[in-house]
């Protein structure tokens, strides 16, 4: 079973990474490197690695959301079948 706080933390880190990539693309500004001592800094590299791991973890959320949608679709269909069976009686 997955932990909701872990999902939210990973999603937050991925968003931070996406914003950083947007800043790099639009303004040539690497905010993480600027705040934590450049690309050579071990602290910056640790932050990049954590954000990368969060991105890999978020890949698993695709499967989770697909399974949830599939389960919801099945329960909706089951409810309709039950309603139809009861209304035909």
N, C-alpha and C. Protein backbone atom coordinates (compact mmCIF):
# COMPACT_ATOMS: atom_id res chain seq x y z
N UNK A 1 0.84 -1.18 0.00
CA UNK A 1 0.00 0.00 0.00
C UNK A 1 0.89 1.25 0.00
N UNK A 2 0.52 2.21 -0.79
CA UNK A 2 1.32 3.43 -0.89
C UNK A 2 0.87 4.45 0.13
N UNK A 3 1.81 5.27 0.50
CA UNK A 3 1.55 6.30 1.48
C UNK A 3 1.18 7.60 0.76
N UNK A 4 0.07 8.20 1.13
CA UNK A 4 -0.34 9.47 0.53
C UNK A 4 0.68 10.58 0.75
N UNK A 5 1.25 10.73 1.97
CA UNK A 5 2.25 11.79 2.14
C UNK A 5 3.46 11.61 1.22
N UNK A 6 3.86 10.35 0.98
CA UNK A 6 4.97 10.11 0.06
C UNK A 6 4.59 10.52 -1.36
N UNK A 7 3.37 10.23 -1.77
CA UNK A 7 2.90 10.65 -3.10
C UNK A 7 2.95 12.16 -3.24
N UNK A 8 2.44 12.87 -2.23
CA UNK A 8 2.41 14.33 -2.30
C UNK A 8 3.81 14.93 -2.26
N UNK A 9 4.69 14.34 -1.45
CA UNK A 9 6.08 14.83 -1.39
C UNK A 9 6.77 14.64 -2.73
N UNK A 10 6.61 13.47 -3.32
CA UNK A 10 7.23 13.21 -4.62
C UNK A 10 6.67 14.15 -5.68
N UNK A 11 5.36 14.34 -5.68
CA UNK A 11 4.76 15.25 -6.65
C UNK A 11 5.27 16.67 -6.48
N UNK A 12 5.42 17.12 -5.24
CA UNK A 12 5.94 18.46 -4.97
C UNK A 12 7.36 18.61 -5.50
N UNK A 13 8.19 17.59 -5.26
CA UNK A 13 9.57 17.64 -5.75
C UNK A 13 9.63 17.64 -7.28
N UNK A 14 8.76 16.89 -7.91
CA UNK A 14 8.73 16.87 -9.38
C UNK A 14 8.29 18.23 -9.91
N UNK A 15 7.36 18.87 -9.25
CA UNK A 15 6.94 20.21 -9.67
C UNK A 15 8.09 21.21 -9.51
N UNK A 16 8.82 21.11 -8.41
CA UNK A 16 9.99 21.98 -8.22
C UNK A 16 10.99 21.76 -9.36
N UNK A 17 11.23 20.50 -9.71
CA UNK A 17 12.13 20.20 -10.81
C UNK A 17 11.63 20.75 -12.14
N UNK A 18 10.32 20.66 -12.36
CA UNK A 18 9.75 21.17 -13.60
C UNK A 18 9.87 22.69 -13.68
N UNK A 19 9.62 23.35 -12.57
CA UNK A 19 9.77 24.82 -12.54
C UNK A 19 11.23 25.19 -12.80
N UNK A 20 12.16 24.45 -12.20
CA UNK A 20 13.58 24.72 -12.44
C UNK A 20 13.93 24.55 -13.92
N UNK A 21 13.42 23.48 -14.53
CA UNK A 21 13.68 23.28 -15.97
C UNK A 21 13.05 24.40 -16.81
N UNK A 22 11.88 24.87 -16.40
CA UNK A 22 11.26 26.00 -17.11
C UNK A 22 12.11 27.25 -17.01
N UNK A 23 12.66 27.51 -15.82
CA UNK A 23 13.53 28.67 -15.66
C UNK A 23 14.80 28.54 -16.50
N UNK A 24 15.33 27.32 -16.58
CA UNK A 24 16.51 27.10 -17.42
C UNK A 24 16.16 27.36 -18.89
N UNK A 25 15.02 26.84 -19.32
CA UNK A 25 14.62 26.99 -20.72
C UNK A 25 14.30 28.42 -21.12
N UNK A 26 13.60 29.14 -20.26
CA UNK A 26 13.17 30.48 -20.61
C UNK A 26 14.21 31.56 -20.30
N UNK A 27 14.93 31.40 -19.18
CA UNK A 27 15.80 32.48 -18.72
C UNK A 27 17.26 32.07 -18.52
N UNK A 28 17.61 30.82 -18.85
CA UNK A 28 18.96 30.30 -18.61
C UNK A 28 19.36 30.48 -17.15
N UNK A 29 18.41 30.26 -16.25
CA UNK A 29 18.63 30.41 -14.82
C UNK A 29 18.36 29.07 -14.14
N UNK A 30 19.41 28.46 -13.62
CA UNK A 30 19.27 27.22 -12.85
C UNK A 30 19.14 27.62 -11.39
N UNK A 31 17.92 27.71 -10.91
CA UNK A 31 17.65 28.21 -9.57
C UNK A 31 18.27 27.33 -8.48
N UNK A 32 18.20 26.02 -8.66
CA UNK A 32 18.77 25.11 -7.66
C UNK A 32 20.28 25.32 -7.56
N UNK A 33 20.95 25.40 -8.70
CA UNK A 33 22.39 25.64 -8.68
C UNK A 33 22.72 27.00 -8.09
N UNK A 34 21.91 28.00 -8.40
CA UNK A 34 22.14 29.34 -7.87
C UNK A 34 21.99 29.37 -6.35
N UNK A 35 20.96 28.70 -5.85
CA UNK A 35 20.71 28.72 -4.40
C UNK A 35 21.67 27.85 -3.60
N UNK A 36 22.14 26.77 -4.21
CA UNK A 36 22.91 25.79 -3.44
C UNK A 36 24.36 25.63 -3.88
N UNK A 37 24.90 26.60 -4.57
CA UNK A 37 26.34 26.62 -4.81
C UNK A 37 26.82 26.10 -6.15
N UNK A 38 26.00 26.13 -7.16
CA UNK A 38 26.44 25.72 -8.49
C UNK A 38 26.35 24.23 -8.73
N UNK A 39 26.59 23.85 -9.98
CA UNK A 39 26.49 22.45 -10.38
C UNK A 39 27.56 21.58 -9.72
N UNK A 40 28.66 22.17 -9.34
CA UNK A 40 29.75 21.40 -8.74
C UNK A 40 29.51 21.11 -7.27
N UNK A 41 28.59 21.83 -6.66
CA UNK A 41 28.30 21.66 -5.24
C UNK A 41 27.68 20.29 -4.96
N UNK A 42 28.15 19.63 -3.92
CA UNK A 42 27.60 18.32 -3.57
C UNK A 42 26.15 18.47 -3.12
N UNK A 43 25.79 19.60 -2.49
CA UNK A 43 24.43 19.83 -2.05
C UNK A 43 23.47 19.94 -3.24
N UNK A 44 23.88 20.65 -4.27
CA UNK A 44 23.05 20.75 -5.48
C UNK A 44 22.86 19.37 -6.11
N UNK A 45 23.92 18.61 -6.18
CA UNK A 45 23.83 17.28 -6.78
C UNK A 45 22.92 16.36 -5.99
N UNK A 46 22.93 16.48 -4.66
CA UNK A 46 22.02 15.68 -3.84
C UNK A 46 20.57 16.08 -4.11
N UNK A 47 20.32 17.38 -4.21
CA UNK A 47 18.96 17.86 -4.49
C UNK A 47 18.50 17.38 -5.87
N UNK A 48 19.38 17.47 -6.87
CA UNK A 48 19.03 16.96 -8.20
C UNK A 48 18.71 15.47 -8.14
N UNK A 49 19.51 14.71 -7.39
CA UNK A 49 19.29 13.27 -7.29
C UNK A 49 17.97 12.95 -6.61
N UNK A 50 17.63 13.69 -5.55
CA UNK A 50 16.36 13.47 -4.86
C UNK A 50 15.19 13.78 -5.78
N UNK A 51 15.29 14.87 -6.52
CA UNK A 51 14.22 15.22 -7.46
C UNK A 51 14.12 14.16 -8.56
N UNK A 52 15.24 13.64 -9.01
CA UNK A 52 15.23 12.56 -10.00
C UNK A 52 14.57 11.30 -9.47
N UNK A 53 14.87 10.94 -8.22
CA UNK A 53 14.23 9.77 -7.61
C UNK A 53 12.72 9.99 -7.46
N UNK A 54 12.34 11.22 -7.10
CA UNK A 54 10.91 11.54 -6.99
C UNK A 54 10.23 11.38 -8.35
N UNK A 55 10.92 11.78 -9.42
CA UNK A 55 10.36 11.62 -10.77
C UNK A 55 10.16 10.15 -11.11
N UNK A 56 11.14 9.32 -10.75
CA UNK A 56 11.00 7.88 -11.00
C UNK A 56 9.85 7.30 -10.18
N UNK A 57 9.72 7.74 -8.95
CA UNK A 57 8.61 7.27 -8.12
C UNK A 57 7.26 7.69 -8.72
N UNK A 58 7.20 8.91 -9.25
CA UNK A 58 5.94 9.40 -9.83
C UNK A 58 5.54 8.60 -11.07
N UNK A 59 6.49 7.95 -11.72
CA UNK A 59 6.12 7.06 -12.83
C UNK A 59 5.18 5.97 -12.36
N UNK A 60 5.38 5.50 -11.14
CA UNK A 60 4.50 4.45 -10.61
C UNK A 60 3.10 4.97 -10.33
N UNK A 61 2.94 6.29 -10.18
CA UNK A 61 1.62 6.85 -9.93
C UNK A 61 0.72 6.74 -11.17
N UNK A 62 1.33 6.65 -12.36
CA UNK A 62 0.53 6.45 -13.56
C UNK A 62 -0.23 5.14 -13.47
N UNK A 63 0.45 4.09 -13.08
CA UNK A 63 -0.21 2.80 -12.92
C UNK A 63 -1.26 2.83 -11.84
N UNK A 64 -0.98 3.53 -10.75
CA UNK A 64 -1.93 3.64 -9.66
C UNK A 64 -3.20 4.36 -10.10
N UNK A 65 -3.05 5.47 -10.82
CA UNK A 65 -4.23 6.22 -11.25
C UNK A 65 -5.00 5.44 -12.31
N UNK A 66 -4.32 4.68 -13.15
CA UNK A 66 -5.01 3.86 -14.14
C UNK A 66 -5.82 2.76 -13.46
N UNK A 67 -5.23 2.13 -12.45
CA UNK A 67 -5.95 1.09 -11.72
C UNK A 67 -7.14 1.65 -10.99
N UNK A 68 -7.00 2.83 -10.38
CA UNK A 68 -8.12 3.46 -9.68
C UNK A 68 -9.24 3.80 -10.65
N UNK A 69 -8.90 4.33 -11.81
CA UNK A 69 -9.91 4.67 -12.81
C UNK A 69 -10.61 3.41 -13.30
N UNK A 70 -9.86 2.34 -13.49
CA UNK A 70 -10.44 1.08 -13.95
C UNK A 70 -11.39 0.53 -12.89
N UNK A 71 -10.98 0.57 -11.62
CA UNK A 71 -11.84 0.08 -10.55
C UNK A 71 -13.10 0.91 -10.45
N UNK A 72 -12.99 2.23 -10.57
CA UNK A 72 -14.16 3.10 -10.51
C UNK A 72 -15.11 2.81 -11.67
N UNK A 73 -14.56 2.54 -12.85
CA UNK A 73 -15.38 2.24 -14.01
C UNK A 73 -16.12 0.93 -13.78
N UNK A 74 -15.45 -0.08 -13.23
CA UNK A 74 -16.09 -1.36 -12.96
C UNK A 74 -17.19 -1.21 -11.92
N UNK A 75 -16.95 -0.47 -10.85
CA UNK A 75 -17.98 -0.32 -9.82
C UNK A 75 -19.16 0.47 -10.37
N UNK A 76 -18.91 1.43 -11.26
CA UNK A 76 -20.00 2.17 -11.88
C UNK A 76 -20.84 1.24 -12.73
N UNK A 77 -20.19 0.38 -13.49
CA UNK A 77 -20.92 -0.57 -14.33
C UNK A 77 -21.71 -1.55 -13.47
N UNK A 78 -21.14 -2.01 -12.37
CA UNK A 78 -21.84 -2.92 -11.47
C UNK A 78 -23.06 -2.25 -10.87
N UNK A 79 -22.92 -0.98 -10.50
CA UNK A 79 -24.07 -0.24 -9.95
C UNK A 79 -25.17 -0.11 -10.98
N UNK A 80 -24.82 0.16 -12.22
CA UNK A 80 -25.83 0.28 -13.27
C UNK A 80 -26.53 -1.05 -13.51
N UNK A 81 -25.76 -2.13 -13.52
CA UNK A 81 -26.37 -3.45 -13.70
C UNK A 81 -27.33 -3.76 -12.57
N UNK A 82 -26.94 -3.44 -11.34
CA UNK A 82 -27.80 -3.69 -10.19
C UNK A 82 -29.08 -2.85 -10.30
N UNK A 83 -28.93 -1.57 -10.65
CA UNK A 83 -30.08 -0.69 -10.79
C UNK A 83 -31.02 -1.20 -11.88
N UNK A 84 -30.45 -1.64 -13.01
CA UNK A 84 -31.27 -2.15 -14.09
C UNK A 84 -31.99 -3.43 -13.68
N UNK A 85 -31.31 -4.29 -12.94
CA UNK A 85 -31.93 -5.55 -12.50
C UNK A 85 -33.07 -5.27 -11.55
N UNK A 86 -32.90 -4.31 -10.65
CA UNK A 86 -33.94 -3.99 -9.67
C UNK A 86 -35.11 -3.31 -10.36
N UNK A 87 -34.86 -2.43 -11.31
CA UNK A 87 -35.94 -1.72 -11.97
C UNK A 87 -36.74 -2.63 -12.90
N UNK A 88 -36.16 -3.72 -13.37
CA UNK A 88 -36.88 -4.65 -14.24
C UNK A 88 -37.80 -5.56 -13.45
N UNK A 89 -37.62 -5.66 -12.14
CA UNK A 89 -38.47 -6.55 -11.31
C UNK A 89 -39.82 -6.00 -11.08
